[in-house]
Amino acid sequence: MRKQKSARADRSQPRKKPVVREESLPVEYDQRVPSATSVADAARQRMISEAAYYRAQKRGFAPGRELDDWLAAETEITQYVLEQEPAAAELH
């Protein structure tokens, strides 16, 4: 006679995860290779963050002006990036 598995025995075994093929995922979920835009955006965000930090440092890190520091840094970096784009286009 065969022994039947109890309900507890079935629960103790780990369940297998469903297999998802990469080609079935939409493009936006493919995070293996960042696009040039995402790299540029990340670099721009880092530049803004650093510029905002230096602005806060100049004013002694007094609280309450963090947003002003960020917005001024964002304007500064955006202008800088826009000025650099024509020069970069000339190189190509």
Protein backbone atom coordinates (compact mmCIF):
# COMPACT_ATOMS: atom_id res chain seq x y z
CA MET A 1 0.00 0.00 0.00
CA ARG A 2 1.14 3.50 -0.81
CA LYS A 3 1.29 6.16 1.82
CA GLN A 4 -0.44 9.37 1.00
CA LYS A 5 1.39 12.64 1.63
CA SER A 6 -0.07 14.64 4.39
CA ALA A 7 -1.08 18.27 3.92
CA ARG A 8 1.77 19.28 6.22
CA ALA A 9 4.36 17.55 4.08
CA ASP A 10 3.20 19.50 1.05
CA ARG A 11 3.51 22.83 2.90
CA SER A 12 6.99 22.16 4.19
CA GLN A 13 8.51 21.98 0.73
CA PRO A 14 9.51 25.31 -0.79
CA ARG A 15 7.40 26.43 -3.70
CA LYS A 16 9.07 26.95 -7.02
CA LYS A 17 9.12 30.47 -8.38
CA PRO A 18 7.51 30.95 -11.78
CA VAL A 19 9.95 31.25 -14.64
CA VAL A 20 9.77 34.59 -16.45
CA ARG A 21 11.60 34.84 -19.71
CA GLU A 22 13.41 38.12 -20.35
CA GLU A 23 11.97 38.47 -23.82
CA SER A 24 8.48 38.45 -22.32
CA LEU A 25 9.14 41.54 -20.20
CA PRO A 26 8.30 44.99 -21.54
CA VAL A 27 11.29 47.13 -22.54
CA GLU A 28 10.92 49.48 -19.54
CA TYR A 29 11.66 46.57 -17.19
CA ASP A 30 14.99 45.76 -18.80
CA GLN A 31 17.41 47.41 -16.38
CA ARG A 32 20.57 45.62 -17.44
CA VAL A 33 21.97 48.43 -19.58
CA PRO A 34 21.13 52.02 -18.68
CA SER A 35 20.31 54.29 -21.58
CA ALA A 36 22.39 57.36 -22.41
CA THR A 37 19.49 59.51 -21.22
CA SER A 38 19.30 57.83 -17.82
CA VAL A 39 23.07 58.17 -17.38
CA ALA A 40 22.91 61.83 -18.36
CA ASP A 41 19.97 62.38 -15.98
CA ALA A 42 21.84 60.66 -13.15
CA ALA A 43 24.94 62.77 -13.79
CA ARG A 44 22.84 65.94 -13.92
CA GLN A 45 21.13 65.05 -10.62
CA ARG A 46 24.53 64.43 -9.03
CA MET A 47 25.81 67.80 -10.28
CA ILE A 48 22.72 69.57 -8.91
CA SER A 49 23.10 67.82 -5.58
CA GLU A 50 26.74 68.86 -5.28
CA ALA A 51 26.01 72.46 -6.29
CA ALA A 52 23.17 72.64 -3.74
CA TYR A 53 25.52 71.29 -1.07
CA TYR A 54 28.13 73.96 -1.80
CA ARG A 55 25.46 76.66 -1.70
CA ALA A 56 24.34 75.41 1.71
CA GLN A 57 27.94 75.27 2.87
CA LYS A 58 28.48 78.93 1.87
CA ARG A 59 25.61 79.98 4.11
CA GLY A 60 26.78 77.84 7.04
CA PHE A 61 24.17 75.09 6.59
CA ALA A 62 21.52 77.23 8.27
CA PRO A 63 18.22 75.32 8.11
CA GLY A 64 15.17 76.43 6.15
CA ARG A 65 16.75 77.29 2.79
CA GLU A 66 17.33 73.81 1.38
CA LEU A 67 14.72 74.16 -1.36
CA ASP A 68 16.14 77.54 -2.40
CA ASP A 69 19.62 75.97 -2.59
CA TRP A 70 18.31 73.11 -4.71
CA LEU A 71 16.34 75.30 -7.11
CA ALA A 72 19.23 77.73 -7.59
CA ALA A 73 21.62 74.83 -8.18
CA GLU A 74 19.18 73.26 -10.64
CA THR A 75 18.98 76.51 -12.61
CA GLU A 76 22.77 76.88 -12.57
CA ILE A 77 23.42 73.32 -13.75
CA THR A 78 20.67 73.43 -16.39
CA GLN A 79 22.20 76.59 -17.87
CA TYR A 80 25.64 74.99 -17.79
CA VAL A 81 24.41 71.84 -19.53
CA LEU A 82 22.60 73.85 -22.21
CA GLU A 83 25.76 75.88 -22.86
CA GLN A 84 27.77 72.66 -23.24
CA GLU A 85 25.41 70.96 -25.71
CA PRO A 86 26.41 73.06 -28.77
CA ALA A 87 30.08 72.43 -28.01
CA ALA A 88 29.42 68.68 -27.72
CA ALA A 89 27.49 68.69 -31.02
CA GLU A 90 30.46 70.29 -32.79
CA LEU A 91 32.73 67.44 -31.69
CA HIS A 92 30.58 64.78 -33.40
